[in-house]
Amino acid sequence: MTLLSLLLRVLALSTAALVLAHVSAAEPSRPTAPLSTEAKIDRAAAEKTALTRVPNGHIREGELEREHGRLVWSFDIAPPSSADIIEVQVDALTGRIVSVATETPADQAKEAAADRPKTLKPVPK
């Protein structure tokens, strides 16, 4: 084996290692298991607890999420005869209510606008 072919092989291996390291670093980390496997409180129990804060309320939306490092069931509850939404968060490990917040229609509109995907405008030629 000549010195030149040896150098070319080392260069090729080094380049391949760098490319592989770059691709691995660019991949987002994925959770190893769904959040539901971590929850000790099921959705039905969490809903019942959340509805104690909004009597006769109607759950419009609910999800299991990690909020500020804590696993919570988060519910948007519509109280009767009000346009407000009450967001109630129930700790998915203990079943205790950890947060209650009122969202006015203006708050809801801001949140919906922030959640909408941004549309790209074509660049003029």
PDB file of N, CA and C in Angstrom:
ATOM      1  N   MET A   1       0.856  -1.164   0.000  1.00  0.00           N
ATOM      2  CA  MET A   1       0.000   0.000   0.000  1.00  0.00           C
ATOM      3  C   MET A   1       0.908   1.234   0.000  1.00  0.00           C
ATOM      4  N   THR A   2       0.576   2.151  -0.862  1.00  0.00           N
ATOM      5  CA  THR A   2       1.403   3.347  -0.958  1.00  0.00           C
ATOM      6  C   THR A   2       0.967   4.364   0.084  1.00  0.00           C
ATOM      7  N   LEU A   3       1.808   5.285   0.353  1.00  0.00           N
ATOM      8  CA  LEU A   3       1.517   6.332   1.325  1.00  0.00           C
ATOM      9  C   LEU A   3       0.321   7.164   0.873  1.00  0.00           C
ATOM     10  N   LEU A   4       0.223   7.425  -0.414  1.00  0.00           N
ATOM     11  CA  LEU A   4      -0.881   8.216  -0.944  1.00  0.00           C
ATOM     12  C   LEU A   4      -2.212   7.497  -0.738  1.00  0.00           C
ATOM     13  N   SER A   5      -2.295   6.212  -1.027  1.00  0.00           N
ATOM     14  CA  SER A   5      -3.553   5.489  -0.842  1.00  0.00           C
ATOM     15  C   SER A   5      -3.916   5.401   0.640  1.00  0.00           C
ATOM     16  N   LEU A   6      -2.936   5.274   1.507  1.00  0.00           N
ATOM     17  CA  LEU A   6      -3.181   5.247   2.937  1.00  0.00           C
ATOM     18  C   LEU A   6      -3.751   6.582   3.408  1.00  0.00           C
ATOM     19  N   LEU A   7      -3.161   7.680   2.932  1.00  0.00           N
ATOM     20  CA  LEU A   7      -3.661   9.009   3.292  1.00  0.00           C
ATOM     21  C   LEU A   7      -5.077   9.235   2.774  1.00  0.00           C
ATOM     22  N   LEU A   8      -5.364   8.771   1.561  1.00  0.00           N
ATOM     23  CA  LEU A   8      -6.715   8.917   1.006  1.00  0.00           C
ATOM     24  C   LEU A   8      -7.740   8.139   1.825  1.00  0.00           C
ATOM     25  N   ARG A   9      -7.378   6.944   2.282  1.00  0.00           N
ATOM     26  CA  ARG A   9      -8.299   6.149   3.101  1.00  0.00           C
ATOM     27  C   ARG A   9      -8.550   6.821   4.452  1.00  0.00           C
ATOM     28  N   VAL A  10      -7.514   7.344   5.075  1.00  0.00           N
ATOM     29  CA  VAL A  10      -7.664   8.039   6.358  1.00  0.00           C
ATOM     30  C   VAL A  10      -8.541   9.271   6.174  1.00  0.00           C
ATOM     31  N   LEU A  11      -8.335   9.996   5.094  1.00  0.00           N
ATOM     32  CA  LEU A  11      -9.130  11.177   4.805  1.00  0.00           C
ATOM     33  C   LEU A  11     -10.591  10.796   4.591  1.00  0.00           C
ATOM     34  N   ALA A  12     -10.854   9.732   3.855  1.00  0.00           N
ATOM     35  CA  ALA A  12     -12.224   9.286   3.594  1.00  0.00           C
ATOM     36  C   ALA A  12     -12.911   8.864   4.885  1.00  0.00           C
ATOM     37  N   LEU A  13     -12.220   8.119   5.732  1.00  0.00           N
ATOM     38  CA  LEU A  13     -12.804   7.696   7.005  1.00  0.00           C
ATOM     39  C   LEU A  13     -13.070   8.879   7.930  1.00  0.00           C
ATOM     40  N   SER A  14     -12.165   9.830   7.950  1.00  0.00           N
ATOM     41  CA  SER A  14     -12.346  11.015   8.788  1.00  0.00           C
ATOM     42  C   SER A  14     -13.549  11.825   8.321  1.00  0.00           C
ATOM     43  N   THR A  15     -13.681  11.990   7.025  1.00  0.00           N
ATOM     44  CA  THR A  15     -14.816  12.730   6.462  1.00  0.00           C
ATOM     45  C   THR A  15     -16.117  12.030   6.788  1.00  0.00           C
ATOM     46  N   ALA A  16     -16.152  10.711   6.633  1.00  0.00           N
ATOM     47  CA  ALA A  16     -17.366   9.949   6.938  1.00  0.00           C
ATOM     48  C   ALA A  16     -17.740  10.086   8.410  1.00  0.00           C
ATOM     49  N   ALA A  17     -16.761  10.056   9.293  1.00  0.00           N
ATOM     50  CA  ALA A  17     -17.023  10.191  10.724  1.00  0.00           C
ATOM     51  C   ALA A  17     -17.588  11.577  11.042  1.00  0.00           C
ATOM     52  N   LEU A  18     -17.036  12.619  10.417  1.00  0.00           N
ATOM     53  CA  LEU A  18     -17.539  13.966  10.644  1.00  0.00           C
ATOM     54  C   LEU A  18     -18.972  14.131  10.147  1.00  0.00           C
ATOM     55  N   VAL A  19     -19.270  13.586   8.979  1.00  0.00           N
ATOM     56  CA  VAL A  19     -20.630  13.670   8.431  1.00  0.00           C
ATOM     57  C   VAL A  19     -21.602  12.936   9.344  1.00  0.00           C
ATOM     58  N   LEU A  20     -21.239  11.757   9.791  1.00  0.00           N
ATOM     59  CA  LEU A  20     -22.103  10.981  10.672  1.00  0.00           C
ATOM     60  C   LEU A  20     -22.344  11.721  11.985  1.00  0.00           C
ATOM     61  N   ALA A  21     -21.318  12.327  12.546  1.00  0.00           N
ATOM     62  CA  ALA A  21     -21.463  13.084  13.794  1.00  0.00           C
ATOM     63  C   ALA A  21     -22.379  14.279  13.595  1.00  0.00           C
ATOM     64  N   HIS A  22     -22.273  14.958  12.460  1.00  0.00           N
ATOM     65  CA  HIS A  22     -23.112  16.120  12.174  1.00  0.00           C
ATOM     66  C   HIS A  22     -24.569  15.698  12.017  1.00  0.00           C
ATOM     67  N   VAL A  23     -24.834  14.619  11.292  1.00  0.00           N
ATOM     68  CA  VAL A  23     -26.201  14.141  11.089  1.00  0.00           C
ATOM     69  C   VAL A  23     -26.807  13.714  12.410  1.00  0.00           C
ATOM     70  N   SER A  24     -26.047  13.017  13.248  1.00  0.00           N
ATOM     71  CA  SER A  24     -26.558  12.570  14.546  1.00  0.00           C
ATOM     72  C   SER A  24     -26.892  13.749  15.437  1.00  0.00           C
ATOM     73  N   ALA A  25     -26.077  14.785  15.417  1.00  0.00           N
ATOM     74  CA  ALA A  25     -26.315  15.952  16.262  1.00  0.00           C
ATOM     75  C   ALA A  25     -27.514  16.750  15.776  1.00  0.00           C
ATOM     76  N   ALA A  26     -27.818  16.696  14.481  1.00  0.00           N
ATOM     77  CA  ALA A  26     -28.921  17.470  13.926  1.00  0.00           C
ATOM     78  C   ALA A  26     -30.271  16.826  14.188  1.00  0.00           C
ATOM     79  N   GLU A  27     -30.310  15.532  14.475  1.00  0.00           N
ATOM     80  CA  GLU A  27     -31.583  14.863  14.720  1.00  0.00           C
ATOM     81  C   GLU A  27     -32.119  15.267  16.073  1.00  0.00           C
ATOM     82  N   PRO A  28     -33.416  15.662  16.138  1.00  0.00           N
ATOM     83  CA  PRO A  28     -33.981  16.011  17.434  1.00  0.00           C
ATOM     84  C   PRO A  28     -34.123  14.768  18.307  1.00  0.00           C
ATOM     85  N   SER A  29     -33.976  14.965  19.605  1.00  0.00           N
ATOM     86  CA  SER A  29     -34.139  13.822  20.493  1.00  0.00           C
ATOM     87  C   SER A  29     -35.619  13.483  20.593  1.00  0.00           C
ATOM     88  N   ARG A  30     -35.920  12.226  20.620  1.00  0.00           N
ATOM     89  CA  ARG A  30     -37.305  11.776  20.694  1.00  0.00           C
ATOM     90  C   ARG A  30     -37.549  11.181  22.069  1.00  0.00           C
ATOM     91  N   PRO A  31     -38.740  11.414  22.616  1.00  0.00           N
ATOM     92  CA  PRO A  31     -39.026  10.776  23.893  1.00  0.00           C
ATOM     93  C   PRO A  31     -39.043   9.264  23.714  1.00  0.00           C
ATOM     94  N   THR A  32     -38.598   8.564  24.733  1.00  0.00           N
ATOM     95  CA  THR A  32     -38.514   7.114  24.623  1.00  0.00           C
ATOM     96  C   THR A  32     -39.866   6.448  24.800  1.00  0.00           C
ATOM     97  N   ALA A  33     -40.795   7.101  25.482  1.00  0.00           N
ATOM     98  CA  ALA A  33     -42.115   6.522  25.693  1.00  0.00           C
ATOM     99  C   ALA A  33     -43.140   7.646  25.714  1.00  0.00           C
ATOM    100  N   PRO A  34     -44.382   7.341  25.359  1.00  0.00           N
ATOM    101  CA  PRO A  34     -45.404   8.391  25.409  1.00  0.00           C
ATOM    102  C   PRO A  34     -45.639   8.843  26.857  1.00  0.00           C
ATOM    103  N   LEU A  35     -46.081  10.071  27.008  1.00  0.00           N
ATOM    104  CA  LEU A  35     -46.311  10.627  28.338  1.00  0.00           C
ATOM    105  C   LEU A  35     -47.327   9.809  29.128  1.00  0.00           C
ATOM    106  N   SER A  36     -48.264   9.185  28.435  1.00  0.00           N
ATOM    107  CA  SER A  36     -49.306   8.438  29.139  1.00  0.00           C
ATOM    108  C   SER A  36     -48.750   7.298  29.978  1.00  0.00           C
ATOM    109  N   THR A  37     -47.571   6.794  29.613  1.00  0.00           N
ATOM    110  CA  THR A  37     -46.982   5.721  30.410  1.00  0.00           C
ATOM    111  C   THR A  37     -46.434   6.243  31.734  1.00  0.00           C
ATOM    112  N   GLU A  38     -46.199   7.550  31.821  1.00  0.00           N
ATOM    113  CA  GLU A  38     -45.691   8.151  33.054  1.00  0.00           C
ATOM    114  C   GLU A  38     -46.798   8.554  34.014  1.00  0.00           C
ATOM    115  N   ALA A  39     -48.009   8.787  33.480  1.00  0.00           N
ATOM    116  CA  ALA A  39     -49.115   9.291  34.296  1.00  0.00           C
ATOM    117  C   ALA A  39     -49.639   8.210  35.234  1.00  0.00           C
ATOM    118  N   LYS A  40     -49.859   8.600  36.492  1.00  0.00           N
ATOM    119  CA  LYS A  40     -50.453   7.683  37.465  1.00  0.00           C
ATOM    120  C   LYS A  40     -51.958   7.935  37.587  1.00  0.00           C
ATOM    121  N   ILE A  41     -52.391   9.118  37.153  1.00  0.00           N
ATOM    122  CA  ILE A  41     -53.803   9.490  37.181  1.00  0.00           C
ATOM    123  C   ILE A  41     -54.325   9.431  35.750  1.00  0.00           C
ATOM    124  N   ASP A  42     -55.425   8.710  35.531  1.00  0.00           N
ATOM    125  CA  ASP A  42     -55.954   8.620  34.170  1.00  0.00           C
ATOM    126  C   ASP A  42     -56.787   9.857  33.840  1.00  0.00           C
ATOM    127  N   ARG A  43     -57.107   9.999  32.563  1.00  0.00           N
ATOM    128  CA  ARG A  43     -57.808  11.188  32.090  1.00  0.00           C
ATOM    129  C   ARG A  43     -59.160  11.370  32.768  1.00  0.00           C
ATOM    130  N   ALA A  44     -59.919  10.289  32.917  1.00  0.00           N
ATOM    131  CA  ALA A  44     -61.258  10.394  33.505  1.00  0.00           C
ATOM    132  C   ALA A  44     -61.189  10.939  34.936  1.00  0.00           C
ATOM    133  N   ALA A  45     -60.248  10.455  35.730  1.00  0.00           N
ATOM    134  CA  ALA A  45     -60.105  10.942  37.109  1.00  0.00           C
ATOM    135  C   ALA A  45     -59.670  12.401  37.119  1.00  0.00           C
ATOM    136  N   ALA A  46     -58.770  12.769  36.215  1.00  0.00           N
ATOM    137  CA  ALA A  46     -58.296  14.156  36.133  1.00  0.00           C
ATOM    138  C   ALA A  46     -59.437  15.092  35.706  1.00  0.00           C
ATOM    139  N   GLU A  47     -60.273  14.645  34.761  1.00  0.00           N
ATOM    140  CA  GLU A  47     -61.420  15.459  34.329  1.00  0.00           C
ATOM    141  C   GLU A  47     -62.368  15.709  35.505  1.00  0.00           C
ATOM    142  N   LYS A  48     -62.653  14.663  36.253  1.00  0.00           N
ATOM    143  CA  LYS A  48     -63.556  14.789  37.402  1.00  0.00           C
ATOM    144  C   LYS A  48     -63.007  15.809  38.400  1.00  0.00           C
ATOM    145  N   THR A  49     -61.705  15.736  38.660  1.00  0.00           N
ATOM    146  CA  THR A  49     -61.070  16.683  39.575  1.00  0.00           C
ATOM    147  C   THR A  49     -61.141  18.101  39.017  1.00  0.00           C
ATOM    148  N   ALA A  50     -60.835  18.280  37.730  1.00  0.00           N
ATOM    149  CA  ALA A  50     -60.838  19.616  37.113  1.00  0.00           C
ATOM    150  C   ALA A  50     -62.229  20.232  37.144  1.00  0.00           C
ATOM    151  N   LEU A  51     -63.253  19.426  36.935  1.00  0.00           N
ATOM    152  CA  LEU A  51     -64.618  19.953  36.905  1.00  0.00           C
ATOM    153  C   LEU A  51     -65.099  20.413  38.278  1.00  0.00           C
ATOM    154  N   THR A  52     -64.407  20.024  39.358  1.00  0.00           N
ATOM    155  CA  THR A  52     -64.786  20.542  40.680  1.00  0.00           C
ATOM    156  C   THR A  52     -64.517  22.036  40.774  1.00  0.00           C
ATOM    157  N   ARG A  53     -63.607  22.554  39.951  1.00  0.00           N
ATOM    158  CA  ARG A  53     -63.309  23.991  39.951  1.00  0.00           C
ATOM    159  C   ARG A  53     -64.252  24.792  39.069  1.00  0.00           C
ATOM    160  N   VAL A  54     -64.961  24.111  38.158  1.00  0.00           N
ATOM    161  CA  VAL A  54     -65.885  24.802  37.256  1.00  0.00           C
ATOM    162  C   VAL A  54     -67.196  23.998  37.248  1.00  0.00           C
ATOM    163  N   PRO A  55     -68.014  24.157  38.292  1.00  0.00           N
ATOM    164  CA  PRO A  55     -69.263  23.391  38.368  1.00  0.00           C
ATOM    165  C   PRO A  55     -70.134  23.616  37.135  1.00  0.00           C
ATOM    166  N   ASN A  56     -70.683  22.540  36.615  1.00  0.00           N
ATOM    167  CA  ASN A  56     -71.534  22.547  35.414  1.00  0.00           C
ATOM    168  C   ASN A  56     -70.780  22.984  34.160  1.00  0.00           C
ATOM    169  N   GLY A  57     -69.455  22.988  34.231  1.00  0.00           N
ATOM    170  CA  GLY A  57     -68.655  23.352  33.070  1.00  0.00           C
ATOM    171  C   GLY A  57     -68.619  22.229  32.050  1.00  0.00           C
ATOM    172  N   HIS A  58     -68.186  22.579  30.843  1.00  0.00           N
ATOM    173  CA  HIS A  58     -68.078  21.620  29.738  1.00  0.00           C
ATOM    174  C   HIS A  58     -66.631  21.613  29.258  1.00  0.00           C
ATOM    175  N   ILE A  59     -66.003  20.440  29.274  1.00  0.00           N
ATOM    176  CA  ILE A  59     -64.611  20.345  28.815  1.00  0.00           C
ATOM    177  C   ILE A  59     -64.582  20.461  27.295  1.00  0.00           C
ATOM    178  N   ARG A  60     -63.887  21.481  26.809  1.00  0.00           N
ATOM    179  CA  ARG A  60     -63.775  21.692  25.361  1.00  0.00           C
ATOM    180  C   ARG A  60     -62.543  21.008  24.798  1.00  0.00           C
ATOM    181  N   GLU A  61     -61.502  20.916  25.628  1.00  0.00           N
ATOM    182  CA  GLU A  61     -60.240  20.360  25.147  1.00  0.00           C
ATOM    183  C   GLU A  61     -59.451  19.861  26.345  1.00  0.00           C
ATOM    184  N   GLY A  62     -58.691  18.812  26.136  1.00  0.00           N
ATOM    185  CA  GLY A  62     -57.851  18.308  27.207  1.00  0.00           C
ATOM    186  C   GLY A  62     -56.659  17.568  26.631  1.00  0.00           C
ATOM    187  N   GLU A  63     -55.534  17.653  27.337  1.00  0.00           N
ATOM    188  CA  GLU A  63     -54.343  16.955  26.869  1.00  0.00           C
ATOM    189  C   GLU A  63     -53.399  16.697  28.030  1.00  0.00           C
ATOM    190  N   LEU A  64     -52.587  15.689  27.841  1.00  0.00           N
ATOM    191  CA  LEU A  64     -51.524  15.379  28.791  1.00  0.00           C
ATOM    192  C   LEU A  64     -50.263  16.035  28.260  1.00  0.00           C
ATOM    193  N   GLU A  65     -49.624  16.851  29.089  1.00  0.00           N
ATOM    194  CA  GLU A  65     -48.442  17.574  28.635  1.00  0.00           C
ATOM    195  C   GLU A  65     -47.474  17.802  29.784  1.00  0.00           C
ATOM    196  N   ARG A  66     -46.269  18.165  29.426  1.00  0.00           N
ATOM    197  CA  ARG A  66     -45.282  18.521  30.435  1.00  0.00           C
ATOM    198  C   ARG A  66     -45.221  20.046  30.465  1.00  0.00           C
ATOM    199  N   GLU A  67     -45.555  20.606  31.608  1.00  0.00           N
ATOM    200  CA  GLU A  67     -45.609  22.058  31.774  1.00  0.00           C
ATOM    201  C   GLU A  67     -44.682  22.453  32.917  1.00  0.00           C
ATOM    202  N   HIS A  68     -43.678  23.253  32.625  1.00  0.00           N
ATOM    203  CA  HIS A  68     -42.701  23.691  33.628  1.00  0.00           C
ATOM    204  C   HIS A  68     -42.097  22.486  34.361  1.00  0.00           C
ATOM    205  N   GLY A  69     -41.798  21.441  33.597  1.00  0.00           N
ATOM    206  CA  GLY A  69     -41.159  20.264  34.159  1.00  0.00           C
ATOM    207  C   GLY A  69     -42.097  19.309  34.879  1.00  0.00           C
ATOM    208  N   ARG A  70     -43.372  19.630  34.938  1.00  0.00           N
ATOM    209  CA  ARG A  70     -44.351  18.808  35.658  1.00  0.00           C
ATOM    210  C   ARG A  70     -45.310  18.171  34.646  1.00  0.00           C
ATOM    211  N   LEU A  71     -45.612  16.894  34.827  1.00  0.00           N
ATOM    212  CA  LEU A  71     -46.562  16.197  33.972  1.00  0.00           C
ATOM    213  C   LEU A  71     -47.971  16.517  34.446  1.00  0.00           C
ATOM    214  N   VAL A  72     -48.769  17.143  33.569  1.00  0.00           N
ATOM    215  CA  VAL A  72     -50.115  17.576  33.960  1.00  0.00           C
ATOM    216  C   VAL A  72     -51.144  17.212  32.902  1.00  0.00           C
ATOM    217  N   TRP A  73     -52.351  17.003  33.383  1.00  0.00           N
ATOM    218  CA  TRP A  73     -53.519  16.977  32.510  1.00  0.00           C
ATOM    219  C   TRP A  73     -54.004  18.414  32.456  1.00  0.00           C
ATOM    220  N   SER A  74     -54.121  18.979  31.257  1.00  0.00           N
ATOM    221  CA  SER A  74     -54.544  20.362  31.084  1.00  0.00           C
ATOM    222  C   SER A  74     -55.889  20.368  30.368  1.00  0.00           C
ATOM    223  N   PHE A  75     -56.889  21.031  30.985  1.00  0.00           N
ATOM    224  CA  PHE A  75     -58.236  21.055  30.424  1.00  0.00           C
ATOM    225  C   PHE A  75     -58.695  22.490  30.227  1.00  0.00           C
ATOM    226  N   ASP A  76     -59.288  22.748  29.056  1.00  0.00           N
ATOM    227  CA  ASP A  76     -59.968  24.016  28.800  1.00  0.00           C
ATOM    228  C   ASP A  76     -61.443  23.750  29.054  1.00  0.00           C
ATOM    229  N   ILE A  77     -62.000  24.456  30.043  1.00  0.00           N
ATOM    230  CA  ILE A  77     -63.378  24.210  30.465  1.00  0.00           C
ATOM    231  C   ILE A  77     -64.203  25.468  30.238  1.00  0.00           C
ATOM    232  N   ALA A  78     -65.342  25.284  29.561  1.00  0.00           N
ATOM    233  CA  ALA A  78     -66.259  26.396  29.312  1.00  0.00           C
ATOM    234  C   ALA A  78     -67.288  26.425  30.440  1.00  0.00           C
ATOM    235  N   PRO A  79     -67.283  27.500  31.225  1.00  0.00           N
ATOM    236  CA  PRO A  79     -68.298  27.602  32.273  1.00  0.00           C
ATOM    237  C   PRO A  79     -69.642  27.975  31.651  1.00  0.00           C
ATOM    238  N   PRO A  80     -70.737  27.617  32.330  1.00  0.00           N
ATOM    239  CA  PRO A  80     -72.046  27.987  31.779  1.00  0.00           C
ATOM    240  C   PRO A  80     -72.204  29.512  31.769  1.00  0.00           C
ATOM    241  N   SER A  81     -72.851  30.002  30.766  1.00  0.00           N
ATOM    242  CA  SER A  81     -73.182  31.428  30.596  1.00  0.00           C
ATOM    243  C   SER A  81     -71.969  32.359  30.701  1.00  0.00           C
ATOM    244  N   SER A  82     -70.856  31.963  30.089  1.00  0.00           N
ATOM    245  CA  SER A  82     -69.675  32.824  30.043  1.00  0.00           C
ATOM    246  C   SER A  82     -68.885  32.521  28.778  1.00  0.00           C
ATOM    247  N   ALA A  83     -68.276  33.550  28.215  1.00  0.00           N
ATOM    248  CA  ALA A  83     -67.426  33.359  27.030  1.00  0.00           C
ATOM    249  C   ALA A  83     -65.990  33.023  27.428  1.00  0.00           C
ATOM    250  N   ASP A  84     -65.696  33.136  28.714  1.00  0.00           N
ATOM    251  CA  ASP A  84     -64.353  32.816  29.196  1.00  0.00           C
ATOM    252  C   ASP A  84     -64.107  31.313  29.147  1.00  0.00           C
ATOM    253  N   ILE A  85     -62.851  30.948  29.168  1.00  0.00           N
ATOM    254  CA  ILE A  85     -62.426  29.551  29.279  1.00  0.00           C
ATOM    255  C   ILE A  85     -61.578  29.473  30.550  1.00  0.00           C
ATOM    256  N   ILE A  86     -61.843  28.463  31.343  1.00  0.00           N
ATOM    257  CA  ILE A  86     -61.045  28.245  32.544  1.00  0.00           C
ATOM    258  C   ILE A  86     -60.099  27.088  32.246  1.00  0.00           C
ATOM    259  N   GLU A  87     -58.796  27.359  32.319  1.00  0.00           N
ATOM    260  CA  GLU A  87     -57.808  26.303  32.119  1.00  0.00           C
ATOM    261  C   GLU A  87     -57.440  25.744  33.485  1.00  0.00           C
ATOM    262  N   VAL A  88     -57.689  24.452  33.658  1.00  0.00           N
ATOM    263  CA  VAL A  88     -57.376  23.782  34.914  1.00  0.00           C
ATOM    264  C   VAL A  88     -56.324  22.720  34.627  1.00  0.00           C
ATOM    265  N   GLN A  89     -55.252  22.738  35.404  1.00  0.00           N
ATOM    266  CA  GLN A  89     -54.205  21.736  35.262  1.00  0.00           C
ATOM    267  C   GLN A  89     -54.190  20.847  36.499  1.00  0.00           C
ATOM    268  N   VAL A  90     -54.191  19.532  36.234  1.00  0.00           N
ATOM    269  CA  VAL A  90     -54.191  18.535  37.293  1.00  0.00           C
ATOM    270  C   VAL A  90     -52.887  17.750  37.196  1.00  0.00           C
ATOM    271  N   ASP A  91     -52.156  17.666  38.298  1.00  0.00           N
ATOM    272  CA  ASP A  91     -50.905  16.913  38.327  1.00  0.00           C
ATOM    273  C   ASP A  91     -51.209  15.455  37.980  1.00  0.00           C
ATOM    274  N   ALA A  92     -50.538  14.918  36.966  1.00  0.00           N
ATOM    275  CA  ALA A  92     -50.801  13.563  36.481  1.00  0.00           C
ATOM    276  C   ALA A  92     -50.195  12.490  37.380  1.00  0.00           C
ATOM    277  N   LEU A  93     -49.419  12.897  38.376  1.00  0.00           N
ATOM    278  CA  LEU A  93     -48.835  11.934  39.310  1.00  0.00           C
ATOM    279  C   LEU A  93     -49.595  11.885  40.633  1.00  0.00           C
ATOM    280  N   THR A  94     -50.100  13.056  41.079  1.00  0.00           N
ATOM    281  CA  THR A  94     -50.758  13.116  42.386  1.00  0.00           C
ATOM    282  C   THR A  94     -52.270  13.291  42.309  1.00  0.00           C
ATOM    283  N   GLY A  95     -52.776  13.831  41.196  1.00  0.00           N
ATOM    284  CA  GLY A  95     -54.204  14.098  41.068  1.00  0.00           C
ATOM    285  C   GLY A  95     -54.634  15.418  41.676  1.00  0.00           C
ATOM    286  N   ARG A  96     -53.681  16.225  42.134  1.00  0.00           N
ATOM    287  CA  ARG A  96     -54.011  17.526  42.735  1.00  0.00           C
ATOM    288  C   ARG A  96     -54.061  18.613  41.658  1.00  0.00           C
ATOM    289  N   ILE A  97     -54.932  19.579  41.864  1.00  0.00           N
ATOM    290  CA  ILE A  97     -54.992  20.740  40.969  1.00  0.00           C
ATOM    291  C   ILE A  97     -53.772  21.608  41.251  1.00  0.00           C
ATOM    292  N   VAL A  98     -53.038  21.927  40.186  1.00  0.00           N
ATOM    293  CA  VAL A  98     -51.821  22.724  40.351  1.00  0.00           C
ATOM    294  C   VAL A  98     -51.937  24.120  39.750  1.00  0.00           C
ATOM    295  N   SER A  99     -52.971  24.339  38.917  1.00  0.00           N
ATOM    296  CA  SER A  99     -53.102  25.657  38.293  1.00  0.00           C
ATOM    297  C   SER A  99     -54.535  25.848  37.799  1.00  0.00           C
ATOM    298  N   VAL A 100     -55.034  27.067  37.995  1.00  0.00           N
ATOM    299  CA  VAL A 100     -56.338  27.460  37.458  1.00  0.00           C
ATOM    300  C   VAL A 100     -56.156  28.854  36.874  1.00  0.00           C
ATOM    301  N   ALA A 101     -56.492  29.026  35.601  1.00  0.00           N
ATOM    302  CA  ALA A 101     -56.336  30.328  34.950  1.00  0.00           C
ATOM    303  C   ALA A 101     -57.555  30.615  34.085  1.00  0.00           C
ATOM    304  N   THR A 102     -57.959  31.873  34.049  1.00  0.00           N
ATOM    305  CA  THR A 102     -59.087  32.297  33.227  1.00  0.00           C
ATOM    306  C   THR A 102     -58.562  32.928  31.947  1.00  0.00           C
ATOM    307  N   GLU A 103     -59.088  32.462  30.820  1.00  0.00           N
ATOM    308  CA  GLU A 103     -58.739  33.036  29.517  1.00  0.00           C
ATOM    309  C   GLU A 103     -59.967  33.745  28.967  1.00  0.00           C
ATOM    310  N   THR A 104     -59.843  35.042  28.753  1.00  0.00           N
ATOM    311  CA  THR A 104     -60.926  35.817  28.160  1.00  0.00           C
ATOM    312  C   THR A 104     -60.972  35.547  26.653  1.00  0.00           C
ATOM    313  N   PRO A 105     -62.046  35.962  25.977  1.00  0.00           N
ATOM    314  CA  PRO A 105     -62.067  35.809  24.519  1.00  0.00           C
ATOM    315  C   PRO A 105     -60.870  36.470  23.833  1.00  0.00           C
ATOM    316  N   ALA A 106     -60.403  37.597  24.358  1.00  0.00           N
ATOM    317  CA  ALA A 106     -59.228  38.263  23.768  1.00  0.00           C
ATOM    318  C   ALA A 106     -57.986  37.392  23.949  1.00  0.00           C
ATOM    319  N   ASP A 107     -57.837  36.786  25.145  1.00  0.00           N
ATOM    320  CA  ASP A 107     -56.710  35.877  25.388  1.00  0.00           C
ATOM    321  C   ASP A 107     -56.766  34.690  24.435  1.00  0.00           C
ATOM    322  N   GLN A 108     -57.973  34.156  24.231  1.00  0.00           N
ATOM    323  CA  GLN A 108     -58.143  33.000  23.351  1.00  0.00           C
ATOM    324  C   GLN A 108     -57.773  33.345  21.913  1.00  0.00           C
ATOM    325  N   ALA A 109     -58.138  34.540  21.471  1.00  0.00           N
ATOM    326  CA  ALA A 109     -57.809  34.965  20.103  1.00  0.00           C
ATOM    327  C   ALA A 109     -56.302  35.096  19.925  1.00  0.00           C
ATOM    328  N   LYS A 110     -55.620  35.647  20.927  1.00  0.00           N
ATOM    329  CA  LYS A 110     -54.153  35.777  20.855  1.00  0.00           C
ATOM    330  C   LYS A 110     -53.499  34.402  20.790  1.00  0.00           C
ATOM    331  N   GLU A 111     -53.993  33.479  21.603  1.00  0.00           N
ATOM    332  CA  GLU A 111     -53.431  32.127  21.624  1.00  0.00           C
ATOM    333  C   GLU A 111     -53.654  31.424  20.289  1.00  0.00           C
ATOM    334  N   ALA A 112     -54.846  31.591  19.721  1.00  0.00           N
ATOM    335  CA  ALA A 112     -55.147  30.965  18.424  1.00  0.00           C
ATOM    336  C   ALA A 112     -54.261  31.549  17.329  1.00  0.00           C
ATOM    337  N   ALA A 113     -54.033  32.847  17.368  1.00  0.00           N
ATOM    338  CA  ALA A 113     -53.176  33.482  16.359  1.00  0.00           C
ATOM    339  C   ALA A 113     -51.736  32.986  16.498  1.00  0.00           C
ATOM    340  N   ALA A 114     -51.277  32.810  17.716  1.00  0.00           N
ATOM    341  CA  ALA A 114     -49.907  32.335  17.935  1.00  0.00           C
ATOM    342  C   ALA A 114     -49.748  30.882  17.493  1.00  0.00           C
ATOM    343  N   ASP A 115     -50.824  30.103  17.579  1.00  0.00           N
ATOM    344  CA  ASP A 115     -50.766  28.692  17.203  1.00  0.00           C
ATOM    345  C   ASP A 115     -50.874  28.458  15.699  1.00  0.00           C
ATOM    346  N   ARG A 116     -51.395  29.450  14.972  1.00  0.00           N
ATOM    347  CA  ARG A 116     -51.535  29.297  13.523  1.00  0.00           C
ATOM    348  C   ARG A 116     -50.175  29.218  12.862  1.00  0.00           C
ATOM    349  N   PRO A 117     -50.046  28.341  11.851  1.00  0.00           N
ATOM    350  CA  PRO A 117     -48.758  28.282  11.145  1.00  0.00           C
ATOM    351  C   PRO A 117     -48.518  29.585  10.393  1.00  0.00           C
ATOM    352  N   LYS A 118     -47.299  29.996  10.403  1.00  0.00           N
ATOM    353  CA  LYS A 118     -46.919  31.217   9.687  1.00  0.00           C
ATOM    354  C   LYS A 118     -46.895  30.912   8.178  1.00  0.00           C
ATOM    355  N   THR A 119     -47.484  31.804   7.387  1.00  0.00           N
ATOM    356  CA  THR A 119     -47.442  31.631   5.943  1.00  0.00           C
ATOM    357  C   THR A 119     -46.306  32.455   5.392  1.00  0.00           C
ATOM    358  N   LEU A 120     -45.582  31.872   4.481  1.00  0.00           N
ATOM    359  CA  LEU A 120     -44.463  32.558   3.862  1.00  0.00           C
ATOM    360  C   LEU A 120     -44.955  33.350   2.670  1.00  0.00           C
ATOM    361  N   LYS A 121     -44.495  34.572   2.563  1.00  0.00           N
ATOM    362  CA  LYS A 121     -44.862  35.408   1.426  1.00  0.00           C
ATOM    363  C   LYS A 121     -43.805  35.246   0.354  1.00  0.00           C
ATOM    364  N   PRO A 122     -44.231  35.169  -0.918  1.00  0.00           N
ATOM    365  CA  PRO A 122     -43.246  35.041  -1.984  1.00  0.00           C
ATOM    366  C   PRO A 122     -42.365  36.283  -2.067  1.00  0.00           C
ATOM    367  N   VAL A 123     -41.132  36.046  -2.390  1.00  0.00           N
ATOM    368  CA  VAL A 123     -40.179  37.150  -2.545  1.00  0.00           C
ATOM    369  C   VAL A 123     -40.361  37.720  -3.948  1.00  0.00           C
ATOM    370  N   PRO A 124     -40.548  39.047  -4.054  1.00  0.00           N
ATOM    371  CA  PRO A 124     -40.706  39.641  -5.394  1.00  0.00           C
ATOM    372  C   PRO A 124     -39.427  39.454  -6.216  1.00  0.00           C
ATOM    373  N   LYS A 125     -39.625  39.287  -7.512  1.00  0.00           N
ATOM    374  CA  LYS A 125     -38.489  39.089  -8.410  1.00  0.00           C
ATOM    375  C   LYS A 125     -37.851  40.382  -8.799  1.00  0.00           C
TER     376      LYS A 125
END
